[in-house]
PDB file of N, CA and C in Angstrom:
ATOM      1  N   MET A   1      13.847   0.877 -13.785  1.00  0.00           N
ATOM      2  CA  MET A   1      13.897  -0.475 -13.264  1.00  0.00           C
ATOM      3  C   MET A   1      12.499  -0.996 -12.942  1.00  0.00           C
ATOM      4  N   GLY A   2      11.490  -0.149 -12.948  1.00  0.00           N
ATOM      5  CA  GLY A   2      10.130  -0.595 -12.700  1.00  0.00           C
ATOM      6  C   GLY A   2       9.811  -0.825 -11.237  1.00  0.00           C
ATOM      7  N   VAL A   3      10.548  -0.185 -10.335  1.00  0.00           N
ATOM      8  CA  VAL A   3      10.329  -0.361  -8.904  1.00  0.00           C
ATOM      9  C   VAL A   3       9.464   0.785  -8.394  1.00  0.00           C
ATOM     10  N   THR A   4       8.460   0.451  -7.603  1.00  0.00           N
ATOM     11  CA  THR A   4       7.587   1.468  -7.018  1.00  0.00           C
ATOM     12  C   THR A   4       7.987   1.704  -5.571  1.00  0.00           C
ATOM     13  N   PRO A   5       8.380   2.938  -5.205  1.00  0.00           N
ATOM     14  CA  PRO A   5       8.746   3.195  -3.812  1.00  0.00           C
ATOM     15  C   PRO A   5       7.520   3.145  -2.919  1.00  0.00           C
ATOM     16  N   HIS A   6       7.673   2.565  -1.760  1.00  0.00           N
ATOM     17  CA  HIS A   6       6.563   2.455  -0.819  1.00  0.00           C
ATOM     18  C   HIS A   6       6.757   3.448   0.318  1.00  0.00           C
ATOM     19  N   VAL A   7       6.611   4.710   0.011  1.00  0.00           N
ATOM     20  CA  VAL A   7       6.678   5.745   1.037  1.00  0.00           C
ATOM     21  C   VAL A   7       5.309   5.862   1.675  1.00  0.00           C
ATOM     22  N   ALA A   8       5.236   6.513   2.804  1.00  0.00           N
ATOM     23  CA  ALA A   8       3.961   6.674   3.493  1.00  0.00           C
ATOM     24  C   ALA A   8       3.066   7.613   2.701  1.00  0.00           C
ATOM     25  N   GLN A   9       1.784   7.279   2.619  1.00  0.00           N
ATOM     26  CA  GLN A   9       0.826   8.100   1.894  1.00  0.00           C
ATOM     27  C   GLN A   9       0.381   9.259   2.773  1.00  0.00           C
ATOM     28  N   ASN A  10       0.320  10.435   2.174  1.00  0.00           N
ATOM     29  CA  ASN A  10      -0.121  11.627   2.888  1.00  0.00           C
ATOM     30  C   ASN A  10      -1.636  11.707   2.788  1.00  0.00           C
ATOM     31  N   THR A  11      -2.313  11.547   3.909  1.00  0.00           N
ATOM     32  CA  THR A  11      -3.776  11.575   3.905  1.00  0.00           C
ATOM     33  C   THR A  11      -4.334  12.789   4.631  1.00  0.00           C
ATOM     34  N   SER A  12      -3.509  13.797   4.866  1.00  0.00           N
ATOM     35  CA  SER A  12      -3.955  14.969   5.633  1.00  0.00           C
ATOM     36  C   SER A  12      -4.516  16.076   4.753  1.00  0.00           C
ATOM     37  N   GLY A  13      -4.846  15.763   3.500  1.00  0.00           N
ATOM     38  CA  GLY A  13      -5.457  16.790   2.658  1.00  0.00           C
ATOM     39  C   GLY A  13      -4.523  17.354   1.611  1.00  0.00           C
ATOM     40  N   ARG A  14      -3.222  17.228   1.801  1.00  0.00           N
ATOM     41  CA  ARG A  14      -2.282  17.715   0.798  1.00  0.00           C
ATOM     42  C   ARG A  14      -2.099  16.654  -0.274  1.00  0.00           C
ATOM     43  N   ARG A  15      -1.390  17.005  -1.326  1.00  0.00           N
ATOM     44  CA  ARG A  15      -1.124  16.075  -2.416  1.00  0.00           C
ATOM     45  C   ARG A  15      -0.157  15.000  -1.936  1.00  0.00           C
ATOM     46  N   SER A  16      -0.464  13.749  -2.238  1.00  0.00           N
ATOM     47  CA  SER A  16       0.365  12.638  -1.802  1.00  0.00           C
ATOM     48  C   SER A  16       1.227  12.138  -2.952  1.00  0.00           C
ATOM     49  N   ALA A  17       2.435  11.662  -2.631  1.00  0.00           N
ATOM     50  CA  ALA A  17       3.327  11.104  -3.640  1.00  0.00           C
ATOM     51  C   ALA A  17       2.903   9.696  -4.031  1.00  0.00           C
ATOM     52  N   VAL A  18       2.006   9.086  -3.257  1.00  0.00           N
ATOM     53  CA  VAL A  18       1.560   7.724  -3.519  1.00  0.00           C
ATOM     54  C   VAL A  18       0.142   7.774  -4.080  1.00  0.00           C
ATOM     55  N   PRO A  19      -0.040   7.314  -5.330  1.00  0.00           N
ATOM     56  CA  PRO A  19      -1.398   7.292  -5.887  1.00  0.00           C
ATOM     57  C   PRO A  19      -2.283   6.304  -5.138  1.00  0.00           C
ATOM     58  N   ASP A  20      -3.590   6.532  -5.179  1.00  0.00           N
ATOM     59  CA  ASP A  20      -4.537   5.658  -4.490  1.00  0.00           C
ATOM     60  C   ASP A  20      -4.503   4.238  -5.029  1.00  0.00           C
ATOM     61  N   ALA A  21      -4.188   4.077  -6.318  1.00  0.00           N
ATOM     62  CA  ALA A  21      -4.141   2.736  -6.908  1.00  0.00           C
ATOM     63  C   ALA A  21      -3.034   1.901  -6.279  1.00  0.00           C
ATOM     64  N   ILE A  22      -1.901   2.516  -5.992  1.00  0.00           N
ATOM     65  CA  ILE A  22      -0.786   1.796  -5.362  1.00  0.00           C
ATOM     66  C   ILE A  22      -1.090   1.564  -3.886  1.00  0.00           C
ATOM     67  N   ALA A  23      -1.678   2.565  -3.234  1.00  0.00           N
ATOM     68  CA  ALA A  23      -1.969   2.446  -1.804  1.00  0.00           C
ATOM     69  C   ALA A  23      -3.019   1.376  -1.523  1.00  0.00           C
ATOM     70  N   ALA A  24      -3.787   0.996  -2.525  1.00  0.00           N
ATOM     71  CA  ALA A  24      -4.828  -0.008  -2.324  1.00  0.00           C
ATOM     72  C   ALA A  24      -4.320  -1.440  -2.493  1.00  0.00           C
ATOM     73  N   THR A  25      -3.068  -1.617  -2.908  1.00  0.00           N
ATOM     74  CA  THR A  25      -2.549  -2.963  -3.151  1.00  0.00           C
ATOM     75  C   THR A  25      -2.175  -3.643  -1.835  1.00  0.00           C
ATOM     76  N   ALA A  26      -2.160  -4.978  -1.879  1.00  0.00           N
ATOM     77  CA  ALA A  26      -1.802  -5.757  -0.684  1.00  0.00           C
ATOM     78  C   ALA A  26      -0.324  -5.580  -0.335  1.00  0.00           C
ATOM     79  N   GLY A  27       0.526  -5.457  -1.344  1.00  0.00           N
ATOM     80  CA  GLY A  27       1.959  -5.281  -1.101  1.00  0.00           C
ATOM     81  C   GLY A  27       2.268  -3.989  -0.368  1.00  0.00           C
ATOM     82  N   TYR A  28       1.525  -2.934  -0.703  1.00  0.00           N
ATOM     83  CA  TYR A  28       1.719  -1.647  -0.033  1.00  0.00           C
ATOM     84  C   TYR A  28       1.334  -1.748   1.437  1.00  0.00           C
ATOM     85  N   ALA A  29       0.249  -2.454   1.735  1.00  0.00           N
ATOM     86  CA  ALA A  29      -0.188  -2.618   3.129  1.00  0.00           C
ATOM     87  C   ALA A  29       0.842  -3.401   3.926  1.00  0.00           C
ATOM     88  N   ILE A  30       1.395  -4.446   3.335  1.00  0.00           N
ATOM     89  CA  ILE A  30       2.435  -5.239   4.015  1.00  0.00           C
ATOM     90  C   ILE A  30       3.660  -4.380   4.250  1.00  0.00           C
ATOM     91  N   SER A  31       4.039  -3.589   3.239  1.00  0.00           N
ATOM     92  CA  SER A  31       5.209  -2.726   3.350  1.00  0.00           C
ATOM     93  C   SER A  31       5.050  -1.714   4.485  1.00  0.00           C
ATOM     94  N   GLN A  32       3.874  -1.126   4.610  1.00  0.00           N
ATOM     95  CA  GLN A  32       3.643  -0.145   5.668  1.00  0.00           C
ATOM     96  C   GLN A  32       3.639  -0.793   7.041  1.00  0.00           C
ATOM     97  N   ASN A  33       3.155  -2.031   7.134  1.00  0.00           N
ATOM     98  CA  ASN A  33       3.168  -2.761   8.400  1.00  0.00           C
ATOM     99  C   ASN A  33       4.606  -3.056   8.835  1.00  0.00           C
ATOM    100  N   LYS A  34       5.436  -3.507   7.904  1.00  0.00           N
ATOM    101  CA  LYS A  34       6.849  -3.786   8.209  1.00  0.00           C
ATOM    102  C   LYS A  34       7.583  -2.497   8.565  1.00  0.00           C
ATOM    103  N   ARG A  35       7.224  -1.407   7.889  1.00  0.00           N
ATOM    104  CA  ARG A  35       7.850  -0.119   8.172  1.00  0.00           C
ATOM    105  C   ARG A  35       7.581   0.311   9.613  1.00  0.00           C
ATOM    106  N   LYS A  36       6.355   0.079  10.076  1.00  0.00           N
ATOM    107  CA  LYS A  36       5.995   0.432  11.445  1.00  0.00           C
ATOM    108  C   LYS A  36       6.825  -0.379  12.440  1.00  0.00           C
ATOM    109  N   LEU A  37       7.023  -1.665  12.166  1.00  0.00           N
ATOM    110  CA  LEU A  37       7.823  -2.504  13.061  1.00  0.00           C
ATOM    111  C   LEU A  37       9.257  -1.989  13.169  1.00  0.00           C
ATOM    112  N   ILE A  38       9.821  -1.582  12.044  1.00  0.00           N
ATOM    113  CA  ILE A  38      11.197  -1.069  12.041  1.00  0.00           C
ATOM    114  C   ILE A  38      11.277   0.251  12.787  1.00  0.00           C
ATOM    115  N   GLU A  39      10.314   1.135  12.541  1.00  0.00           N
ATOM    116  CA  GLU A  39      10.314   2.437  13.213  1.00  0.00           C
ATOM    117  C   GLU A  39      10.141   2.299  14.726  1.00  0.00           C
ATOM    118  N   GLN A  40       9.398   1.289  15.167  1.00  0.00           N
ATOM    119  CA  GLN A  40       9.224   1.073  16.606  1.00  0.00           C
ATOM    120  C   GLN A  40      10.561   0.765  17.273  1.00  0.00           C
ATOM    121  N   GLY A  41      11.392  -0.022  16.599  1.00  0.00           N
ATOM    122  CA  GLY A  41      12.711  -0.348  17.153  1.00  0.00           C
ATOM    123  C   GLY A  41      13.584   0.878  17.309  1.00  0.00           C
ATOM    124  N   PHE A  42      13.611   1.731  16.298  1.00  0.00           N
ATOM    125  CA  PHE A  42      14.423   2.937  16.383  1.00  0.00           C
ATOM    126  C   PHE A  42      13.856   3.913  17.411  1.00  0.00           C
ATOM    127  N   GLY A  43      12.541   3.987  17.522  1.00  0.00           N
ATOM    128  CA  GLY A  43      11.926   4.840  18.541  1.00  0.00           C
ATOM    129  C   GLY A  43      12.271   4.362  19.936  1.00  0.00           C
ATOM    130  N   TRP A  44      12.241   3.039  20.146  1.00  0.00           N
ATOM    131  CA  TRP A  44      12.604   2.472  21.442  1.00  0.00           C
ATOM    132  C   TRP A  44      14.069   2.780  21.756  1.00  0.00           C
ATOM    133  N   ALA A  45      14.934   2.648  20.742  1.00  0.00           N
ATOM    134  CA  ALA A  45      16.360   2.912  20.955  1.00  0.00           C
ATOM    135  C   ALA A  45      16.595   4.367  21.356  1.00  0.00           C
ATOM    136  N   LYS A  46      15.811   5.283  20.797  1.00  0.00           N
ATOM    137  CA  LYS A  46      15.988   6.698  21.132  1.00  0.00           C
ATOM    138  C   LYS A  46      15.460   7.026  22.523  1.00  0.00           C
ATOM    139  N   THR A  47      14.313   6.462  22.888  1.00  0.00           N
ATOM    140  CA  THR A  47      13.710   6.843  24.165  1.00  0.00           C
ATOM    141  C   THR A  47      14.251   6.016  25.324  1.00  0.00           C
ATOM    142  N   VAL A  48      14.180   4.717  25.225  1.00  0.00           N
ATOM    143  CA  VAL A  48      14.573   3.847  26.328  1.00  0.00           C
ATOM    144  C   VAL A  48      16.065   3.518  26.268  1.00  0.00           C
ATOM    145  N   GLY A  49      16.566   3.284  25.065  1.00  0.00           N
ATOM    146  CA  GLY A  49      17.952   2.845  24.897  1.00  0.00           C
ATOM    147  C   GLY A  49      18.987   3.949  24.931  1.00  0.00           C
ATOM    148  N   ARG A  50      18.563   5.171  25.159  1.00  0.00           N
ATOM    149  CA  ARG A  50      19.470   6.323  25.290  1.00  0.00           C
ATOM    150  C   ARG A  50      20.339   6.541  24.052  1.00  0.00           C
ATOM    151  N   MET A  51      19.775   6.319  22.872  1.00  0.00           N
ATOM    152  CA  MET A  51      20.528   6.549  21.641  1.00  0.00           C
ATOM    153  C   MET A  51      20.255   7.929  21.045  1.00  0.00           C
ATOM    154  N   ARG A  52      19.363   8.703  21.666  1.00  0.00           N
ATOM    155  CA  ARG A  52      19.072  10.035  21.133  1.00  0.00           C
ATOM    156  C   ARG A  52      20.315  10.925  21.201  1.00  0.00           C
ATOM    157  N   GLN A  53      21.006  10.862  22.323  1.00  0.00           N
ATOM    158  CA  GLN A  53      22.249  11.614  22.474  1.00  0.00           C
ATOM    159  C   GLN A  53      23.243  10.685  23.157  1.00  0.00           C
ATOM    160  N   VAL A  54      24.148  10.132  22.387  1.00  0.00           N
ATOM    161  CA  VAL A  54      25.068   9.135  22.927  1.00  0.00           C
ATOM    162  C   VAL A  54      26.131   9.808  23.781  1.00  0.00           C
ATOM    163  N   MET A  55      26.600   9.064  24.761  1.00  0.00           N
ATOM    164  CA  MET A  55      27.587   9.602  25.695  1.00  0.00           C
ATOM    165  C   MET A  55      29.004   9.109  25.394  1.00  0.00           C
ATOM    166  N   VAL A  56      29.186   8.474  24.264  1.00  0.00           N
ATOM    167  CA  VAL A  56      30.508   7.963  23.905  1.00  0.00           C
ATOM    168  C   VAL A  56      30.996   8.665  22.647  1.00  0.00           C
ATOM    169  N   ARG A  57      32.280   8.574  22.418  1.00  0.00           N
ATOM    170  CA  ARG A  57      32.870   9.155  21.212  1.00  0.00           C
ATOM    171  C   ARG A  57      33.496   8.053  20.389  1.00  0.00           C
ATOM    172  N   SER A  58      33.626   8.290  19.145  1.00  0.00           N
ATOM    173  CA  SER A  58      34.214   7.428  18.120  1.00  0.00           C
ATOM    174  C   SER A  58      33.143   6.531  17.509  1.00  0.00           C
ATOM    175  N   LEU A  59      33.309   6.293  16.261  1.00  0.00           N
ATOM    176  CA  LEU A  59      32.352   5.492  15.512  1.00  0.00           C
ATOM    177  C   LEU A  59      32.279   4.067  16.041  1.00  0.00           C
ATOM    178  N   LYS A  60      33.413   3.532  16.467  1.00  0.00           N
ATOM    179  CA  LYS A  60      33.454   2.160  16.979  1.00  0.00           C
ATOM    180  C   LYS A  60      32.614   2.018  18.252  1.00  0.00           C
ATOM    181  N   ARG A  61      32.743   2.971  19.162  1.00  0.00           N
ATOM    182  CA  ARG A  61      31.998   2.903  20.426  1.00  0.00           C
ATOM    183  C   ARG A  61      30.503   3.152  20.217  1.00  0.00           C
ATOM    184  N   VAL A  62      30.169   4.073  19.320  1.00  0.00           N
ATOM    185  CA  VAL A  62      28.754   4.319  19.023  1.00  0.00           C
ATOM    186  C   VAL A  62      28.149   3.073  18.380  1.00  0.00           C
ATOM    187  N   ASP A  63      28.904   2.425  17.490  1.00  0.00           N
ATOM    188  CA  ASP A  63      28.437   1.196  16.862  1.00  0.00           C
ATOM    189  C   ASP A  63      28.207   0.112  17.911  1.00  0.00           C
ATOM    190  N   GLN A  64      29.133  -0.019  18.847  1.00  0.00           N
ATOM    191  CA  GLN A  64      28.962  -1.015  19.913  1.00  0.00           C
ATOM    192  C   GLN A  64      27.736  -0.711  20.762  1.00  0.00           C
ATOM    193  N   MET A  65      27.527   0.565  21.061  1.00  0.00           N
ATOM    194  CA  MET A  65      26.374   0.950  21.867  1.00  0.00           C
ATOM    195  C   MET A  65      25.073   0.675  21.110  1.00  0.00           C
ATOM    196  N   PHE A  66      25.073   0.945  19.803  1.00  0.00           N
ATOM    197  CA  PHE A  66      23.889   0.705  18.997  1.00  0.00           C
ATOM    198  C   PHE A  66      23.562  -0.788  18.935  1.00  0.00           C
ATOM    199  N   VAL A  67      24.575  -1.612  18.723  1.00  0.00           N
ATOM    200  CA  VAL A  67      24.350  -3.063  18.659  1.00  0.00           C
ATOM    201  C   VAL A  67      23.829  -3.576  19.999  1.00  0.00           C
ATOM    202  N   LEU A  68      24.396  -3.110  21.091  1.00  0.00           N
ATOM    203  CA  LEU A  68      23.944  -3.527  22.417  1.00  0.00           C
ATOM    204  C   LEU A  68      22.502  -3.074  22.672  1.00  0.00           C
ATOM    205  N   THR A  69      22.181  -1.849  22.270  1.00  0.00           N
ATOM    206  CA  THR A  69      20.826  -1.327  22.453  1.00  0.00           C
ATOM    207  C   THR A  69      19.815  -2.129  21.652  1.00  0.00           C
ATOM    208  N   MET A  70      20.140  -2.434  20.402  1.00  0.00           N
ATOM    209  CA  MET A  70      19.202  -3.193  19.574  1.00  0.00           C
ATOM    210  C   MET A  70      19.091  -4.639  20.049  1.00  0.00           C
ATOM    211  N   ALA A  71      20.150  -5.195  20.615  1.00  0.00           N
ATOM    212  CA  ALA A  71      20.058  -6.535  21.204  1.00  0.00           C
ATOM    213  C   ALA A  71      19.112  -6.513  22.407  1.00  0.00           C
ATOM    214  N   ALA A  72      19.201  -5.462  23.212  1.00  0.00           N
ATOM    215  CA  ALA A  72      18.294  -5.324  24.354  1.00  0.00           C
ATOM    216  C   ALA A  72      16.853  -5.177  23.867  1.00  0.00           C
ATOM    217  N   TYR A  73      16.647  -4.442  22.785  1.00  0.00           N
ATOM    218  CA  TYR A  73      15.301  -4.296  22.221  1.00  0.00           C
ATOM    219  C   TYR A  73      14.774  -5.650  21.755  1.00  0.00           C
ATOM    220  N   ASN A  74      15.626  -6.434  21.115  1.00  0.00           N
ATOM    221  CA  ASN A  74      15.205  -7.768  20.677  1.00  0.00           C
ATOM    222  C   ASN A  74      14.819  -8.641  21.861  1.00  0.00           C
ATOM    223  N   LEU A  75      15.551  -8.530  22.964  1.00  0.00           N
ATOM    224  CA  LEU A  75      15.211  -9.314  24.151  1.00  0.00           C
ATOM    225  C   LEU A  75      13.856  -8.896  24.724  1.00  0.00           C
ATOM    226  N   THR A  76      13.583  -7.600  24.741  1.00  0.00           N
ATOM    227  CA  THR A  76      12.283  -7.154  25.249  1.00  0.00           C
ATOM    228  C   THR A  76      11.162  -7.597  24.316  1.00  0.00           C
ATOM    229  N   ARG A  77      11.412  -7.576  23.013  1.00  0.00           N
ATOM    230  CA  ARG A  77      10.402  -8.072  22.065  1.00  0.00           C
ATOM    231  C   ARG A  77      10.169  -9.557  22.247  1.00  0.00           C
ATOM    232  N   MET A  78      11.230 -10.315  22.473  1.00  0.00           N
ATOM    233  CA  MET A  78      11.085 -11.755  22.670  1.00  0.00           C
ATOM    234  C   MET A  78      10.250 -12.035  23.919  1.00  0.00           C
ATOM    235  N   ARG A  79      10.435 -11.231  24.958  1.00  0.00           N
ATOM    236  CA  ARG A  79       9.662 -11.408  26.181  1.00  0.00           C
ATOM    237  C   ARG A  79       8.175 -11.183  25.925  1.00  0.00           C
ATOM    238  N   THR A  80       7.854 -10.102  25.233  1.00  0.00           N
ATOM    239  CA  THR A  80       6.443  -9.824  24.973  1.00  0.00           C
ATOM    240  C   THR A  80       5.853 -10.814  23.971  1.00  0.00           C
ATOM    241  N   LEU A  81       6.618 -11.249  23.000  1.00  0.00           N
ATOM    242  CA  LEU A  81       6.117 -12.246  22.055  1.00  0.00           C
ATOM    243  C   LEU A  81       5.873 -13.577  22.758  1.00  0.00           C
ATOM    244  N   GLY A  82       6.727 -13.913  23.738  1.00  0.00           N
ATOM    245  CA  GLY A  82       6.520 -15.138  24.510  1.00  0.00           C
ATOM    246  C   GLY A  82       5.259 -15.073  25.340  1.00  0.00           C
ATOM    247  N   GLN A  83       4.950 -13.907  25.885  1.00  0.00           N
ATOM    248  CA  GLN A  83       3.729 -13.750  26.665  1.00  0.00           C
ATOM    249  C   GLN A  83       2.499 -13.853  25.768  1.00  0.00           C
ATOM    250  N   ILE A  84       2.573 -13.325  24.560  1.00  0.00           N
ATOM    251  CA  ILE A  84       1.450 -13.416  23.632  1.00  0.00           C
ATOM    252  C   ILE A  84       1.210 -14.870  23.233  1.00  0.00           C
ATOM    253  N   ARG A  85       2.282 -15.592  22.952  1.00  0.00           N
ATOM    254  CA  ARG A  85       2.149 -16.997  22.558  1.00  0.00           C
ATOM    255  C   ARG A  85       1.608 -17.834  23.697  1.00  0.00           C
ATOM    256  N   ALA A  86       1.998 -17.541  24.937  1.00  0.00           N
ATOM    257  CA  ALA A  86       1.513 -18.313  26.077  1.00  0.00           C
ATOM    258  C   ALA A  86       0.003 -18.114  26.277  1.00  0.00           C
ATOM    259  N   GLN A  87      -0.488 -16.929  25.978  1.00  0.00           N
ATOM    260  CA  GLN A  87      -1.916 -16.656  26.130  1.00  0.00           C
ATOM    261  C   GLN A  87      -2.737 -17.377  25.064  1.00  0.00           C
ATOM    262  N   THR A  88      -2.213 -17.469  23.844  1.00  0.00           N
ATOM    263  CA  THR A  88      -2.973 -18.101  22.764  1.00  0.00           C
ATOM    264  C   THR A  88      -2.902 -19.613  22.797  1.00  0.00           C
ATOM    265  N   ALA A  89      -1.886 -20.174  23.453  1.00  0.00           N
ATOM    266  CA  ALA A  89      -1.738 -21.631  23.479  1.00  0.00           C
ATOM    267  C   ALA A  89      -2.601 -22.305  24.515  1.00  0.00           C
TER     268      ALA A  89
END
């Protein structure tokens, strides 16, 4: 299909699955930036949102807890984004 996967490049000395030519493109940099934003949300859900070990049973309840946790994360992001915008304005 001609699609290039944008996995993280291994720069610790071992062989990387991402060639340097692909890692140097602007699209790869944007992809890695967006990836970091997504990973931050899941990290927040695990540490602050108590999603690392859920205390409920059933897929429906875990789904509800996940949606509530991610909504709370969005609210905290909106708060910090509002503070950033207020400083620049």
